[in-house]
Amino acid sequence: METYALVEARNQLGQLVGRVRHGHEQILISEYGKPAAALVPVEELEELERLRDEADVAEARRREAERSEPPVGHDAFMAQLEAEDRQAGQ
């Protein structure tokens, strides 16, 4: 993966985007000598987003499986909140 300083990348942005789009390259952009951003093909970005979504779903399922109480439906939850509000108002 090639690295370009931000000023240089700005001056060559069109060329760099073409290399990423057509050559499926990845380009790192640095600012003050430190990595700041990357140009990656859209397909790779979409794959990263898909993997992140899958990880989020897996984590949600793991947490749900660890719950000691069964999940409460919306209507039951709203009834529970209303009962709590009535008790707090007494």
PDB file of N, CA and C in Angstrom:
ATOM      1  N   MET A   1       0.860  -1.164   0.000  1.00  0.00           N
ATOM      2  CA  MET A   1       0.000   0.000   0.000  1.00  0.00           C
ATOM      3  C   MET A   1       0.911   1.234   0.000  1.00  0.00           C
ATOM      4  N   GLU A   2       0.660   2.103  -0.937  1.00  0.00           N
ATOM      5  CA  GLU A   2       1.447   3.330  -1.024  1.00  0.00           C
ATOM      6  C   GLU A   2       0.879   4.391  -0.093  1.00  0.00           C
ATOM      7  N   THR A   3       1.764   5.255   0.391  1.00  0.00           N
ATOM      8  CA  THR A   3       1.365   6.348   1.270  1.00  0.00           C
ATOM      9  C   THR A   3       1.679   7.671   0.597  1.00  0.00           C
ATOM     10  N   TYR A   4       0.750   8.592   0.676  1.00  0.00           N
ATOM     11  CA  TYR A   4       0.919   9.932   0.137  1.00  0.00           C
ATOM     12  C   TYR A   4       0.633  10.933   1.240  1.00  0.00           C
ATOM     13  N   ALA A   5       1.451  11.971   1.302  1.00  0.00           N
ATOM     14  CA  ALA A   5       1.168  13.072   2.213  1.00  0.00           C
ATOM     15  C   ALA A   5      -0.107  13.763   1.740  1.00  0.00           C
ATOM     16  N   LEU A   6      -0.839  14.353   2.651  1.00  0.00           N
ATOM     17  CA  LEU A   6      -2.126  14.966   2.335  1.00  0.00           C
ATOM     18  C   LEU A   6      -2.009  15.990   1.205  1.00  0.00           C
ATOM     19  N   VAL A   7      -1.019  16.841   1.250  1.00  0.00           N
ATOM     20  CA  VAL A   7      -0.850  17.859   0.204  1.00  0.00           C
ATOM     21  C   VAL A   7      -0.635  17.206  -1.147  1.00  0.00           C
ATOM     22  N   GLU A   8       0.198  16.185  -1.195  1.00  0.00           N
ATOM     23  CA  GLU A   8       0.460  15.478  -2.448  1.00  0.00           C
ATOM     24  C   GLU A   8      -0.798  14.755  -2.933  1.00  0.00           C
ATOM     25  N   ALA A   9      -1.525  14.118  -2.014  1.00  0.00           N
ATOM     26  CA  ALA A   9      -2.754  13.406  -2.378  1.00  0.00           C
ATOM     27  C   ALA A   9      -3.791  14.385  -2.925  1.00  0.00           C
ATOM     28  N   ARG A  10      -3.880  15.557  -2.320  1.00  0.00           N
ATOM     29  CA  ARG A  10      -4.827  16.569  -2.789  1.00  0.00           C
ATOM     30  C   ARG A  10      -4.514  16.958  -4.232  1.00  0.00           C
ATOM     31  N   ASN A  11      -3.247  17.122  -4.523  1.00  0.00           N
ATOM     32  CA  ASN A  11      -2.832  17.521  -5.871  1.00  0.00           C
ATOM     33  C   ASN A  11      -3.045  16.420  -6.904  1.00  0.00           C
ATOM     34  N   GLN A  12      -3.059  15.173  -6.462  1.00  0.00           N
ATOM     35  CA  GLN A  12      -3.188  14.033  -7.381  1.00  0.00           C
ATOM     36  C   GLN A  12      -4.490  13.260  -7.163  1.00  0.00           C
ATOM     37  N   LEU A  13      -5.470  13.872  -6.520  1.00  0.00           N
ATOM     38  CA  LEU A  13      -6.665  13.138  -6.116  1.00  0.00           C
ATOM     39  C   LEU A  13      -7.333  12.387  -7.267  1.00  0.00           C
ATOM     40  N   GLY A  14      -7.526  13.031  -8.386  1.00  0.00           N
ATOM     41  CA  GLY A  14      -8.172  12.366  -9.525  1.00  0.00           C
ATOM     42  C   GLY A  14      -7.425  11.119  -9.957  1.00  0.00           C
ATOM     43  N   GLN A  15      -6.109  11.220 -10.041  1.00  0.00           N
ATOM     44  CA  GLN A  15      -5.289  10.070 -10.437  1.00  0.00           C
ATOM     45  C   GLN A  15      -5.366   8.963  -9.392  1.00  0.00           C
ATOM     46  N   LEU A  16      -5.304   9.341  -8.114  1.00  0.00           N
ATOM     47  CA  LEU A  16      -5.351   8.333  -7.047  1.00  0.00           C
ATOM     48  C   LEU A  16      -6.700   7.616  -7.020  1.00  0.00           C
ATOM     49  N   VAL A  17      -7.773   8.373  -7.189  1.00  0.00           N
ATOM     50  CA  VAL A  17      -9.104   7.749  -7.219  1.00  0.00           C
ATOM     51  C   VAL A  17      -9.205   6.786  -8.391  1.00  0.00           C
ATOM     52  N   GLY A  18      -8.668   7.151  -9.535  1.00  0.00           N
ATOM     53  CA  GLY A  18      -8.669   6.249 -10.689  1.00  0.00           C
ATOM     54  C   GLY A  18      -7.898   4.974 -10.408  1.00  0.00           C
ATOM     55  N   ARG A  19      -6.761   5.091  -9.742  1.00  0.00           N
ATOM     56  CA  ARG A  19      -5.978   3.894  -9.399  1.00  0.00           C
ATOM     57  C   ARG A  19      -6.754   2.994  -8.444  1.00  0.00           C
ATOM     58  N   VAL A  20      -7.443   3.589  -7.523  1.00  0.00           N
ATOM     59  CA  VAL A  20      -8.226   2.796  -6.561  1.00  0.00           C
ATOM     60  C   VAL A  20      -9.405   2.144  -7.268  1.00  0.00           C
ATOM     61  N   ARG A  21     -10.107   2.919  -8.074  1.00  0.00           N
ATOM     62  CA  ARG A  21     -11.300   2.412  -8.751  1.00  0.00           C
ATOM     63  C   ARG A  21     -10.969   1.331  -9.771  1.00  0.00           C
ATOM     64  N   HIS A  22      -9.995   1.589 -10.607  1.00  0.00           N
ATOM     65  CA  HIS A  22      -9.716   0.665 -11.707  1.00  0.00           C
ATOM     66  C   HIS A  22      -8.647  -0.366 -11.383  1.00  0.00           C
ATOM     67  N   GLY A  23      -7.717  -0.019 -10.545  1.00  0.00           N
ATOM     68  CA  GLY A  23      -6.622  -0.933 -10.221  1.00  0.00           C
ATOM     69  C   GLY A  23      -6.819  -1.654  -8.910  1.00  0.00           C
ATOM     70  N   HIS A  24      -7.925  -1.331  -8.221  1.00  0.00           N
ATOM     71  CA  HIS A  24      -8.241  -1.950  -6.929  1.00  0.00           C
ATOM     72  C   HIS A  24      -7.089  -1.812  -5.938  1.00  0.00           C
ATOM     73  N   GLU A  25      -6.411  -0.666  -6.012  1.00  0.00           N
ATOM     74  CA  GLU A  25      -5.339  -0.386  -5.069  1.00  0.00           C
ATOM     75  C   GLU A  25      -5.920   0.211  -3.792  1.00  0.00           C
ATOM     76  N   GLN A  26      -5.123   0.204  -2.761  1.00  0.00           N
ATOM     77  CA  GLN A  26      -5.435   0.892  -1.517  1.00  0.00           C
ATOM     78  C   GLN A  26      -4.348   1.947  -1.329  1.00  0.00           C
ATOM     79  N   ILE A  27      -4.757   3.150  -0.966  1.00  0.00           N
ATOM     80  CA  ILE A  27      -3.793   4.231  -0.818  1.00  0.00           C
ATOM     81  C   ILE A  27      -3.989   4.873   0.548  1.00  0.00           C
ATOM     82  N   LEU A  28      -2.902   4.990   1.276  1.00  0.00           N
ATOM     83  CA  LEU A  28      -2.916   5.589   2.603  1.00  0.00           C
ATOM     84  C   LEU A  28      -2.529   7.056   2.479  1.00  0.00           C
ATOM     85  N   ILE A  29      -3.261   7.910   3.175  1.00  0.00           N
ATOM     86  CA  ILE A  29      -2.975   9.338   3.175  1.00  0.00           C
ATOM     87  C   ILE A  29      -2.526   9.720   4.573  1.00  0.00           C
ATOM     88  N   SER A  30      -1.372  10.388   4.635  1.00  0.00           N
ATOM     89  CA  SER A  30      -0.826  10.764   5.935  1.00  0.00           C
ATOM     90  C   SER A  30      -0.925  12.270   6.129  1.00  0.00           C
ATOM     91  N   GLU A  31      -0.981  12.651   7.377  1.00  0.00           N
ATOM     92  CA  GLU A  31      -0.999  14.056   7.748  1.00  0.00           C
ATOM     93  C   GLU A  31      -0.022  14.230   8.894  1.00  0.00           C
ATOM     94  N   TYR A  32       0.907  15.125   8.729  1.00  0.00           N
ATOM     95  CA  TYR A  32       1.967  15.330   9.720  1.00  0.00           C
ATOM     96  C   TYR A  32       2.734  14.042   9.997  1.00  0.00           C
ATOM     97  N   GLY A  33       2.910  13.231   8.959  1.00  0.00           N
ATOM     98  CA  GLY A  33       3.694  12.011   9.065  1.00  0.00           C
ATOM     99  C   GLY A  33       2.971  10.824   9.674  1.00  0.00           C
ATOM    100  N   LYS A  34       1.679  10.979  10.001  1.00  0.00           N
ATOM    101  CA  LYS A  34       0.909   9.885  10.602  1.00  0.00           C
ATOM    102  C   LYS A  34      -0.257   9.509   9.699  1.00  0.00           C
ATOM    103  N   PRO A  35      -0.601   8.209   9.622  1.00  0.00           N
ATOM    104  CA  PRO A  35      -1.750   7.802   8.811  1.00  0.00           C
ATOM    105  C   PRO A  35      -3.011   8.542   9.253  1.00  0.00           C
ATOM    106  N   ALA A  36      -3.748   9.085   8.271  1.00  0.00           N
ATOM    107  CA  ALA A  36      -4.947   9.859   8.587  1.00  0.00           C
ATOM    108  C   ALA A  36      -6.202   9.306   7.905  1.00  0.00           C
ATOM    109  N   ALA A  37      -6.044   8.758   6.717  1.00  0.00           N
ATOM    110  CA  ALA A  37      -7.202   8.262   5.965  1.00  0.00           C
ATOM    111  C   ALA A  37      -6.711   7.282   4.917  1.00  0.00           C
ATOM    112  N   ALA A  38      -7.662   6.603   4.296  1.00  0.00           N
ATOM    113  CA  ALA A  38      -7.300   5.654   3.244  1.00  0.00           C
ATOM    114  C   ALA A  38      -8.309   5.739   2.115  1.00  0.00           C
ATOM    115  N   LEU A  39      -7.817   5.549   0.918  1.00  0.00           N
ATOM    116  CA  LEU A  39      -8.674   5.385  -0.246  1.00  0.00           C
ATOM    117  C   LEU A  39      -8.736   3.892  -0.529  1.00  0.00           C
ATOM    118  N   VAL A  40      -9.938   3.350  -0.541  1.00  0.00           N
ATOM    119  CA  VAL A  40     -10.116   1.922  -0.818  1.00  0.00           C
ATOM    120  C   VAL A  40     -11.245   1.771  -1.830  1.00  0.00           C
ATOM    121  N   PRO A  41     -11.228   0.702  -2.606  1.00  0.00           N
ATOM    122  CA  PRO A  41     -12.332   0.472  -3.537  1.00  0.00           C
ATOM    123  C   PRO A  41     -13.665   0.368  -2.792  1.00  0.00           C
ATOM    124  N   VAL A  42     -14.712   0.843  -3.423  1.00  0.00           N
ATOM    125  CA  VAL A  42     -16.041   0.832  -2.818  1.00  0.00           C
ATOM    126  C   VAL A  42     -16.447  -0.588  -2.411  1.00  0.00           C
ATOM    127  N   GLU A  43     -16.070  -1.580  -3.212  1.00  0.00           N
ATOM    128  CA  GLU A  43     -16.433  -2.963  -2.893  1.00  0.00           C
ATOM    129  C   GLU A  43     -15.826  -3.392  -1.554  1.00  0.00           C
ATOM    130  N   GLU A  44     -14.608  -2.947  -1.285  1.00  0.00           N
ATOM    131  CA  GLU A  44     -13.974  -3.288  -0.009  1.00  0.00           C
ATOM    132  C   GLU A  44     -14.662  -2.590   1.150  1.00  0.00           C
ATOM    133  N   LEU A  45     -15.062  -1.346   0.949  1.00  0.00           N
ATOM    134  CA  LEU A  45     -15.798  -0.626   1.987  1.00  0.00           C
ATOM    135  C   LEU A  45     -17.127  -1.323   2.278  1.00  0.00           C
ATOM    136  N   GLU A  46     -17.840  -1.715   1.231  1.00  0.00           N
ATOM    137  CA  GLU A  46     -19.114  -2.416   1.416  1.00  0.00           C
ATOM    138  C   GLU A  46     -18.909  -3.725   2.176  1.00  0.00           C
ATOM    139  N   GLU A  47     -17.835  -4.444   1.870  1.00  0.00           N
ATOM    140  CA  GLU A  47     -17.532  -5.699   2.570  1.00  0.00           C
ATOM    141  C   GLU A  47     -17.230  -5.437   4.043  1.00  0.00           C
ATOM    142  N   LEU A  48     -16.481  -4.388   4.333  1.00  0.00           N
ATOM    143  CA  LEU A  48     -16.204  -4.032   5.732  1.00  0.00           C
ATOM    144  C   LEU A  48     -17.498  -3.706   6.477  1.00  0.00           C
ATOM    145  N   GLU A  49     -18.386  -2.960   5.836  1.00  0.00           N
ATOM    146  CA  GLU A  49     -19.663  -2.626   6.467  1.00  0.00           C
ATOM    147  C   GLU A  49     -20.499  -3.875   6.701  1.00  0.00           C
ATOM    148  N   ARG A  50     -20.511  -4.796   5.736  1.00  0.00           N
ATOM    149  CA  ARG A  50     -21.272  -6.047   5.888  1.00  0.00           C
ATOM    150  C   ARG A  50     -20.722  -6.858   7.053  1.00  0.00           C
ATOM    151  N   LEU A  51     -19.396  -6.965   7.141  1.00  0.00           N
ATOM    152  CA  LEU A  51     -18.784  -7.718   8.241  1.00  0.00           C
ATOM    153  C   LEU A  51     -19.084  -7.077   9.592  1.00  0.00           C
ATOM    154  N   ARG A  52     -19.065  -5.750   9.643  1.00  0.00           N
ATOM    155  CA  ARG A  52     -19.383  -5.050  10.898  1.00  0.00           C
ATOM    156  C   ARG A  52     -20.839  -5.309  11.297  1.00  0.00           C
ATOM    157  N   ASP A  53     -21.751  -5.261  10.312  1.00  0.00           N
ATOM    158  CA  ASP A  53     -23.160  -5.545  10.596  1.00  0.00           C
ATOM    159  C   ASP A  53     -23.336  -6.969  11.112  1.00  0.00           C
ATOM    160  N   GLU A  54     -22.651  -7.933  10.494  1.00  0.00           N
ATOM    161  CA  GLU A  54     -22.748  -9.324  10.941  1.00  0.00           C
ATOM    162  C   GLU A  54     -22.224  -9.469  12.366  1.00  0.00           C
ATOM    163  N   ALA A  55     -21.149  -8.779  12.686  1.00  0.00           N
ATOM    164  CA  ALA A  55     -20.594  -8.831  14.048  1.00  0.00           C
ATOM    165  C   ALA A  55     -21.577  -8.228  15.045  1.00  0.00           C
ATOM    166  N   ASP A  56     -22.241  -7.137  14.672  1.00  0.00           N
ATOM    167  CA  ASP A  56     -23.232  -6.514  15.554  1.00  0.00           C
ATOM    168  C   ASP A  56     -24.409  -7.456  15.814  1.00  0.00           C
ATOM    169  N   VAL A  57     -24.880  -8.121  14.770  1.00  0.00           N
ATOM    170  CA  VAL A  57     -25.998  -9.062  14.923  1.00  0.00           C
ATOM    171  C   VAL A  57     -25.579 -10.232  15.812  1.00  0.00           C
ATOM    172  N   ALA A  58     -24.379 -10.740  15.604  1.00  0.00           N
ATOM    173  CA  ALA A  58     -23.887 -11.852  16.423  1.00  0.00           C
ATOM    174  C   ALA A  58     -23.786 -11.434  17.892  1.00  0.00           C
ATOM    175  N   GLU A  59     -23.322 -10.230  18.142  1.00  0.00           N
ATOM    176  CA  GLU A  59     -23.219  -9.737  19.517  1.00  0.00           C
ATOM    177  C   GLU A  59     -24.598  -9.587  20.147  1.00  0.00           C
ATOM    178  N   ALA A  60     -25.553  -9.074  19.396  1.00  0.00           N
ATOM    179  CA  ALA A  60     -26.913  -8.934  19.913  1.00  0.00           C
ATOM    180  C   ALA A  60     -27.508 -10.304  20.238  1.00  0.00           C
ATOM    181  N   ARG A  61     -27.277 -11.284  19.373  1.00  0.00           N
ATOM    182  CA  ARG A  61     -27.798 -12.639  19.631  1.00  0.00           C
ATOM    183  C   ARG A  61     -27.122 -13.259  20.853  1.00  0.00           C
ATOM    184  N   ARG A  62     -25.819 -13.020  21.002  1.00  0.00           N
ATOM    185  CA  ARG A  62     -25.095 -13.538  22.170  1.00  0.00           C
ATOM    186  C   ARG A  62     -25.660 -12.953  23.452  1.00  0.00           C
ATOM    187  N   ARG A  63     -25.896 -11.649  23.454  1.00  0.00           N
ATOM    188  CA  ARG A  63     -26.450 -11.000  24.646  1.00  0.00           C
ATOM    189  C   ARG A  63     -27.862 -11.501  24.953  1.00  0.00           C
ATOM    190  N   GLU A  64     -28.640 -11.680  23.906  1.00  0.00           N
ATOM    191  CA  GLU A  64     -30.009 -12.180  24.097  1.00  0.00           C
ATOM    192  C   GLU A  64     -29.986 -13.585  24.692  1.00  0.00           C
ATOM    193  N   ALA A  65     -29.055 -14.414  24.233  1.00  0.00           N
ATOM    194  CA  ALA A  65     -28.952 -15.788  24.735  1.00  0.00           C
ATOM    195  C   ALA A  65     -28.524 -15.822  26.200  1.00  0.00           C
ATOM    196  N   GLU A  66     -27.803 -14.805  26.644  1.00  0.00           N
ATOM    197  CA  GLU A  66     -27.326 -14.767  28.024  1.00  0.00           C
ATOM    198  C   GLU A  66     -28.359 -14.222  29.004  1.00  0.00           C
ATOM    199  N   ARG A  67     -29.439 -13.665  28.491  1.00  0.00           N
ATOM    200  CA  ARG A  67     -30.455 -13.090  29.378  1.00  0.00           C
ATOM    201  C   ARG A  67     -31.070 -14.185  30.235  1.00  0.00           C
ATOM    202  N   SER A  68     -31.268 -13.884  31.510  1.00  0.00           N
ATOM    203  CA  SER A  68     -31.867 -14.869  32.410  1.00  0.00           C
ATOM    204  C   SER A  68     -33.386 -14.835  32.345  1.00  0.00           C
ATOM    205  N   GLU A  69     -33.953 -13.713  31.942  1.00  0.00           N
ATOM    206  CA  GLU A  69     -35.405 -13.591  31.843  1.00  0.00           C
ATOM    207  C   GLU A  69     -35.810 -13.647  30.376  1.00  0.00           C
ATOM    208  N   PRO A  70     -36.983 -14.193  30.103  1.00  0.00           N
ATOM    209  CA  PRO A  70     -37.431 -14.203  28.709  1.00  0.00           C
ATOM    210  C   PRO A  70     -37.720 -12.778  28.246  1.00  0.00           C
ATOM    211  N   PRO A  71     -37.575 -12.508  26.961  1.00  0.00           N
ATOM    212  CA  PRO A  71     -37.861 -11.161  26.460  1.00  0.00           C
ATOM    213  C   PRO A  71     -39.318 -10.795  26.660  1.00  0.00           C
ATOM    214  N   VAL A  72     -39.573  -9.527  26.855  1.00  0.00           N
ATOM    215  CA  VAL A  72     -40.926  -9.014  27.070  1.00  0.00           C
ATOM    216  C   VAL A  72     -41.375  -8.341  25.787  1.00  0.00           C
ATOM    217  N   GLY A  73     -42.594  -8.622  25.362  1.00  0.00           N
ATOM    218  CA  GLY A  73     -43.143  -7.993  24.162  1.00  0.00           C
ATOM    219  C   GLY A  73     -43.463  -6.528  24.401  1.00  0.00           C
ATOM    220  N   HIS A  74     -43.716  -5.818  23.324  1.00  0.00           N
ATOM    221  CA  HIS A  74     -43.974  -4.381  23.403  1.00  0.00           C
ATOM    222  C   HIS A  74     -45.182  -4.064  24.266  1.00  0.00           C
ATOM    223  N   ASP A  75     -46.310  -4.752  24.036  1.00  0.00           N
ATOM    224  CA  ASP A  75     -47.536  -4.468  24.798  1.00  0.00           C
ATOM    225  C   ASP A  75     -47.332  -4.725  26.285  1.00  0.00           C
ATOM    226  N   ALA A  76     -46.670  -5.829  26.619  1.00  0.00           N
ATOM    227  CA  ALA A  76     -46.420  -6.142  28.028  1.00  0.00           C
ATOM    228  C   ALA A  76     -45.485  -5.111  28.648  1.00  0.00           C
ATOM    229  N   PHE A  77     -44.512  -4.675  27.907  1.00  0.00           N
ATOM    230  CA  PHE A  77     -43.584  -3.674  28.414  1.00  0.00           C
ATOM    231  C   PHE A  77     -44.308  -2.360  28.684  1.00  0.00           C
ATOM    232  N   MET A  78     -45.158  -1.931  27.751  1.00  0.00           N
ATOM    233  CA  MET A  78     -45.912  -0.688  27.938  1.00  0.00           C
ATOM    234  C   MET A  78     -46.858  -0.801  29.129  1.00  0.00           C
ATOM    235  N   ALA A  79     -47.495  -1.947  29.318  1.00  0.00           N
ATOM    236  CA  ALA A  79     -48.376  -2.154  30.467  1.00  0.00           C
ATOM    237  C   ALA A  79     -47.575  -2.073  31.763  1.00  0.00           C
ATOM    238  N   GLN A  80     -46.385  -2.638  31.754  1.00  0.00           N
ATOM    239  CA  GLN A  80     -45.519  -2.589  32.936  1.00  0.00           C
ATOM    240  C   GLN A  80     -45.137  -1.143  33.257  1.00  0.00           C
ATOM    241  N   LEU A  81     -44.797  -0.353  32.246  1.00  0.00           N
ATOM    242  CA  LEU A  81     -44.467   1.052  32.467  1.00  0.00           C
ATOM    243  C   LEU A  81     -45.665   1.831  33.023  1.00  0.00           C
ATOM    244  N   GLU A  82     -46.843   1.583  32.475  1.00  0.00           N
ATOM    245  CA  GLU A  82     -48.046   2.263  32.962  1.00  0.00           C
ATOM    246  C   GLU A  82     -48.334   1.907  34.418  1.00  0.00           C
ATOM    247  N   ALA A  83     -48.157   0.628  34.781  1.00  0.00           N
ATOM    248  CA  ALA A  83     -48.371   0.211  36.166  1.00  0.00           C
ATOM    249  C   ALA A  83     -47.361   0.893  37.089  1.00  0.00           C
ATOM    250  N   GLU A  84     -46.122   1.003  36.656  1.00  0.00           N
ATOM    251  CA  GLU A  84     -45.101   1.673  37.454  1.00  0.00           C
ATOM    252  C   GLU A  84     -45.437   3.157  37.627  1.00  0.00           C
ATOM    253  N   ASP A  85     -45.957   3.776  36.563  1.00  0.00           N
ATOM    254  CA  ASP A  85     -46.343   5.185  36.641  1.00  0.00           C
ATOM    255  C   ASP A  85     -47.510   5.377  37.615  1.00  0.00           C
ATOM    256  N   ARG A  86     -48.475   4.454  37.591  1.00  0.00           N
ATOM    257  CA  ARG A  86     -49.607   4.540  38.527  1.00  0.00           C
ATOM    258  C   ARG A  86     -49.120   4.418  39.969  1.00  0.00           C
ATOM    259  N   GLN A  87     -48.211   3.479  40.214  1.00  0.00           N
ATOM    260  CA  GLN A  87     -47.683   3.297  41.571  1.00  0.00           C
ATOM    261  C   GLN A  87     -46.910   4.527  42.014  1.00  0.00           C
ATOM    262  N   ALA A  88     -46.141   5.116  41.132  1.00  0.00           N
ATOM    263  CA  ALA A  88     -45.365   6.295  41.501  1.00  0.00           C
ATOM    264  C   ALA A  88     -46.276   7.482  41.765  1.00  0.00           C
ATOM    265  N   GLY A  89     -47.473   7.541  41.165  1.00  0.00           N
ATOM    266  CA  GLY A  89     -48.410   8.631  41.349  1.00  0.00           C
ATOM    267  C   GLY A  89     -49.232   8.531  42.624  1.00  0.00           C
ATOM    268  N   GLN A  90     -49.204   7.403  43.315  1.00  0.00           N
ATOM    269  CA  GLN A  90     -50.018   7.213  44.532  1.00  0.00           C
ATOM    270  C   GLN A  90     -49.377   7.866  45.720  1.00  0.00           C
TER     271      GLN A  90
END
